[in-house]
C-alpha cells in the first residue's frame, strides 16, 4: 500500500496512513528534522498529529518510514 520513503501529499494519503497506522517521519521546511516519528494519531484541515505533537501541513512534509 505504501512504500518506504513515500511522501504523503493528499488528504486521502493521510487518511489511509491513519487507518493502517503506518509509521511516518516528519520533516519541517526550516531544515529542522524533529525527532518524531510514528503512526499518525489525528488529522485536521491544517495539522497532523504524530508522536503527541501537532505539525502544520503547510510547513512540514510527511514520509512513510
N, C-alpha and C. Protein backbone atom coordinates (compact mmCIF):
# COMPACT_ATOMS: atom_id res chain seq x y z
N UNK A 1 0.83 -1.19 0.00
CA UNK A 1 0.00 0.00 0.00
C UNK A 1 0.87 1.25 0.00
N UNK A 2 1.87 1.29 0.91
CA UNK A 2 2.80 2.41 0.96
C UNK A 2 4.21 1.87 0.81
N UNK A 3 5.07 2.66 0.16
CA UNK A 3 6.47 2.30 0.03
C UNK A 3 7.28 3.11 1.04
N UNK A 4 8.33 2.52 1.57
CA UNK A 4 9.21 3.25 2.49
C UNK A 4 9.77 4.47 1.77
N UNK A 5 9.70 5.62 2.41
CA UNK A 5 10.18 6.86 1.82
C UNK A 5 9.14 7.62 1.02
N UNK A 6 7.99 7.02 0.81
CA UNK A 6 6.92 7.68 0.04
C UNK A 6 6.42 8.89 0.82
N UNK A 7 6.26 10.01 0.12
CA UNK A 7 5.73 11.21 0.75
C UNK A 7 4.20 11.18 0.72
N UNK A 8 3.61 11.59 1.82
CA UNK A 8 2.15 11.71 1.90
C UNK A 8 1.78 13.12 1.46
N UNK A 9 0.93 13.23 0.43
CA UNK A 9 0.56 14.52 -0.13
C UNK A 9 -0.91 14.86 0.12
N UNK A 10 -1.76 13.94 -0.24
CA UNK A 10 -3.19 14.24 -0.30
C UNK A 10 -3.91 13.87 0.99
N UNK A 11 -5.11 14.40 1.14
CA UNK A 11 -5.94 14.03 2.29
C UNK A 11 -6.17 12.52 2.30
N UNK A 12 -6.32 11.95 1.13
CA UNK A 12 -6.52 10.51 1.02
C UNK A 12 -5.29 9.75 1.54
N UNK A 13 -4.08 10.23 1.21
CA UNK A 13 -2.86 9.62 1.72
C UNK A 13 -2.84 9.62 3.24
N UNK A 14 -3.15 10.78 3.82
CA UNK A 14 -3.14 10.91 5.28
C UNK A 14 -4.19 10.02 5.93
N UNK A 15 -5.36 9.96 5.34
CA UNK A 15 -6.43 9.12 5.91
C UNK A 15 -6.08 7.64 5.85
N UNK A 16 -5.49 7.20 4.73
CA UNK A 16 -5.09 5.80 4.62
C UNK A 16 -3.98 5.46 5.61
N UNK A 17 -3.03 6.38 5.76
CA UNK A 17 -1.93 6.16 6.70
C UNK A 17 -2.45 6.09 8.14
N UNK A 18 -3.43 6.91 8.46
CA UNK A 18 -4.05 6.87 9.78
C UNK A 18 -4.77 5.54 9.98
N UNK A 19 -5.50 5.11 8.98
CA UNK A 19 -6.28 3.88 9.08
C UNK A 19 -5.41 2.65 9.31
N UNK A 20 -4.32 2.54 8.58
CA UNK A 20 -3.46 1.35 8.71
C UNK A 20 -2.32 1.54 9.71
N UNK A 21 -2.25 2.73 10.31
CA UNK A 21 -1.25 3.03 11.34
C UNK A 21 0.18 2.83 10.85
N UNK A 22 0.44 3.27 9.63
CA UNK A 22 1.79 3.19 9.08
C UNK A 22 2.66 4.25 9.77
N UNK A 23 3.90 3.92 10.17
CA UNK A 23 4.75 4.92 10.80
C UNK A 23 5.22 5.96 9.79
N UNK A 24 5.25 7.21 10.21
CA UNK A 24 5.69 8.30 9.33
C UNK A 24 6.79 9.09 10.03
N UNK A 25 7.61 9.75 9.23
CA UNK A 25 8.66 10.64 9.69
C UNK A 25 8.30 12.05 9.25
N UNK A 26 8.51 13.02 10.11
CA UNK A 26 8.16 14.41 9.82
C UNK A 26 9.42 15.21 9.55
N UNK A 27 9.41 15.99 8.46
CA UNK A 27 10.50 16.91 8.16
C UNK A 27 9.89 18.28 7.93
N UNK A 28 10.41 19.29 8.64
CA UNK A 28 9.86 20.64 8.52
C UNK A 28 10.69 21.49 7.56
N UNK A 29 10.07 22.50 6.97
CA UNK A 29 10.71 23.29 5.93
C UNK A 29 11.84 24.18 6.43
N UNK A 30 11.92 24.41 7.72
CA UNK A 30 13.00 25.25 8.24
C UNK A 30 14.32 24.49 8.36
N UNK A 31 14.35 23.28 7.84
CA UNK A 31 15.55 22.47 7.84
C UNK A 31 15.66 21.58 9.06
N UNK A 32 14.92 21.89 10.10
CA UNK A 32 14.93 21.07 11.30
C UNK A 32 14.19 19.77 11.03
N UNK A 33 14.75 18.68 11.49
CA UNK A 33 14.07 17.40 11.39
C UNK A 33 13.74 16.98 12.82
N UNK A 34 12.51 17.17 13.24
CA UNK A 34 12.17 16.82 14.61
C UNK A 34 12.38 15.33 14.85
N UNK A 35 12.76 15.00 16.05
CA UNK A 35 12.94 13.59 16.39
C UNK A 35 11.57 13.00 16.70
N UNK A 36 10.75 13.01 15.69
CA UNK A 36 9.40 12.48 15.89
C UNK A 36 9.02 11.61 14.70
N UNK A 37 8.62 10.42 15.03
CA UNK A 37 8.11 9.50 14.04
C UNK A 37 7.18 8.54 14.74
N UNK A 38 6.29 8.00 13.97
CA UNK A 38 5.32 7.06 14.50
C UNK A 38 4.06 7.14 13.67
N UNK A 39 3.04 6.43 14.07
CA UNK A 39 1.79 6.48 13.32
C UNK A 39 1.09 7.82 13.50
N UNK A 40 0.32 8.19 12.51
CA UNK A 40 -0.50 9.41 12.60
C UNK A 40 -1.59 9.16 13.62
N UNK A 41 -1.75 10.11 14.54
CA UNK A 41 -2.75 9.99 15.59
C UNK A 41 -4.02 10.77 15.30
N UNK A 42 -3.87 11.87 14.56
CA UNK A 42 -5.03 12.74 14.29
C UNK A 42 -4.72 13.61 13.08
N UNK A 43 -5.76 13.94 12.33
CA UNK A 43 -5.63 14.80 11.15
C UNK A 43 -6.68 15.89 11.25
N UNK A 44 -6.26 17.15 10.99
CA UNK A 44 -7.22 18.25 10.84
C UNK A 44 -6.98 18.87 9.47
N UNK A 45 -7.70 19.93 9.16
CA UNK A 45 -7.50 20.58 7.86
C UNK A 45 -6.09 21.12 7.70
N UNK A 46 -5.47 21.57 8.79
CA UNK A 46 -4.17 22.22 8.68
C UNK A 46 -3.04 21.51 9.41
N UNK A 47 -3.35 20.52 10.24
CA UNK A 47 -2.30 19.87 11.02
C UNK A 47 -2.40 18.35 10.99
N UNK A 48 -1.28 17.72 11.35
CA UNK A 48 -1.21 16.28 11.51
C UNK A 48 -0.54 16.03 12.86
N UNK A 49 -1.13 15.16 13.67
CA UNK A 49 -0.56 14.83 14.98
C UNK A 49 0.21 13.52 14.87
N UNK A 50 1.50 13.59 15.21
CA UNK A 50 2.38 12.42 15.20
C UNK A 50 3.18 12.46 16.50
N UNK A 51 3.24 11.35 17.19
CA UNK A 51 4.02 11.23 18.43
C UNK A 51 3.63 12.29 19.46
N UNK A 52 2.35 12.61 19.53
CA UNK A 52 1.86 13.55 20.52
C UNK A 52 2.08 15.02 20.18
N UNK A 53 2.65 15.30 19.01
CA UNK A 53 2.90 16.69 18.60
C UNK A 53 2.15 17.01 17.32
N UNK A 54 1.70 18.26 17.21
CA UNK A 54 1.00 18.71 16.02
C UNK A 54 1.97 19.39 15.07
N UNK A 55 1.86 19.04 13.78
CA UNK A 55 2.70 19.62 12.75
C UNK A 55 1.82 20.24 11.67
N UNK A 56 2.16 21.45 11.23
CA UNK A 56 1.39 22.14 10.20
C UNK A 56 1.70 21.53 8.84
N UNK A 57 0.65 21.21 8.10
CA UNK A 57 0.83 20.64 6.76
C UNK A 57 1.54 21.62 5.83
N UNK A 58 1.34 22.92 6.06
CA UNK A 58 1.91 23.93 5.18
C UNK A 58 3.43 24.04 5.28
N UNK A 59 4.01 23.66 6.42
CA UNK A 59 5.45 23.84 6.60
C UNK A 59 6.19 22.53 6.84
N UNK A 60 5.51 21.42 6.91
CA UNK A 60 6.16 20.13 7.15
C UNK A 60 5.81 19.14 6.05
N UNK A 61 6.70 18.18 5.88
CA UNK A 61 6.46 17.09 4.93
C UNK A 61 6.44 15.79 5.71
N UNK A 62 5.68 14.84 5.21
CA UNK A 62 5.46 13.58 5.92
C UNK A 62 5.83 12.41 5.02
N UNK A 63 6.69 11.54 5.52
CA UNK A 63 7.20 10.43 4.74
C UNK A 63 6.93 9.12 5.46
N UNK A 64 6.62 8.08 4.69
CA UNK A 64 6.47 6.75 5.26
C UNK A 64 7.84 6.28 5.72
N UNK A 65 7.87 5.75 6.90
CA UNK A 65 9.15 5.32 7.49
C UNK A 65 9.38 3.84 7.28
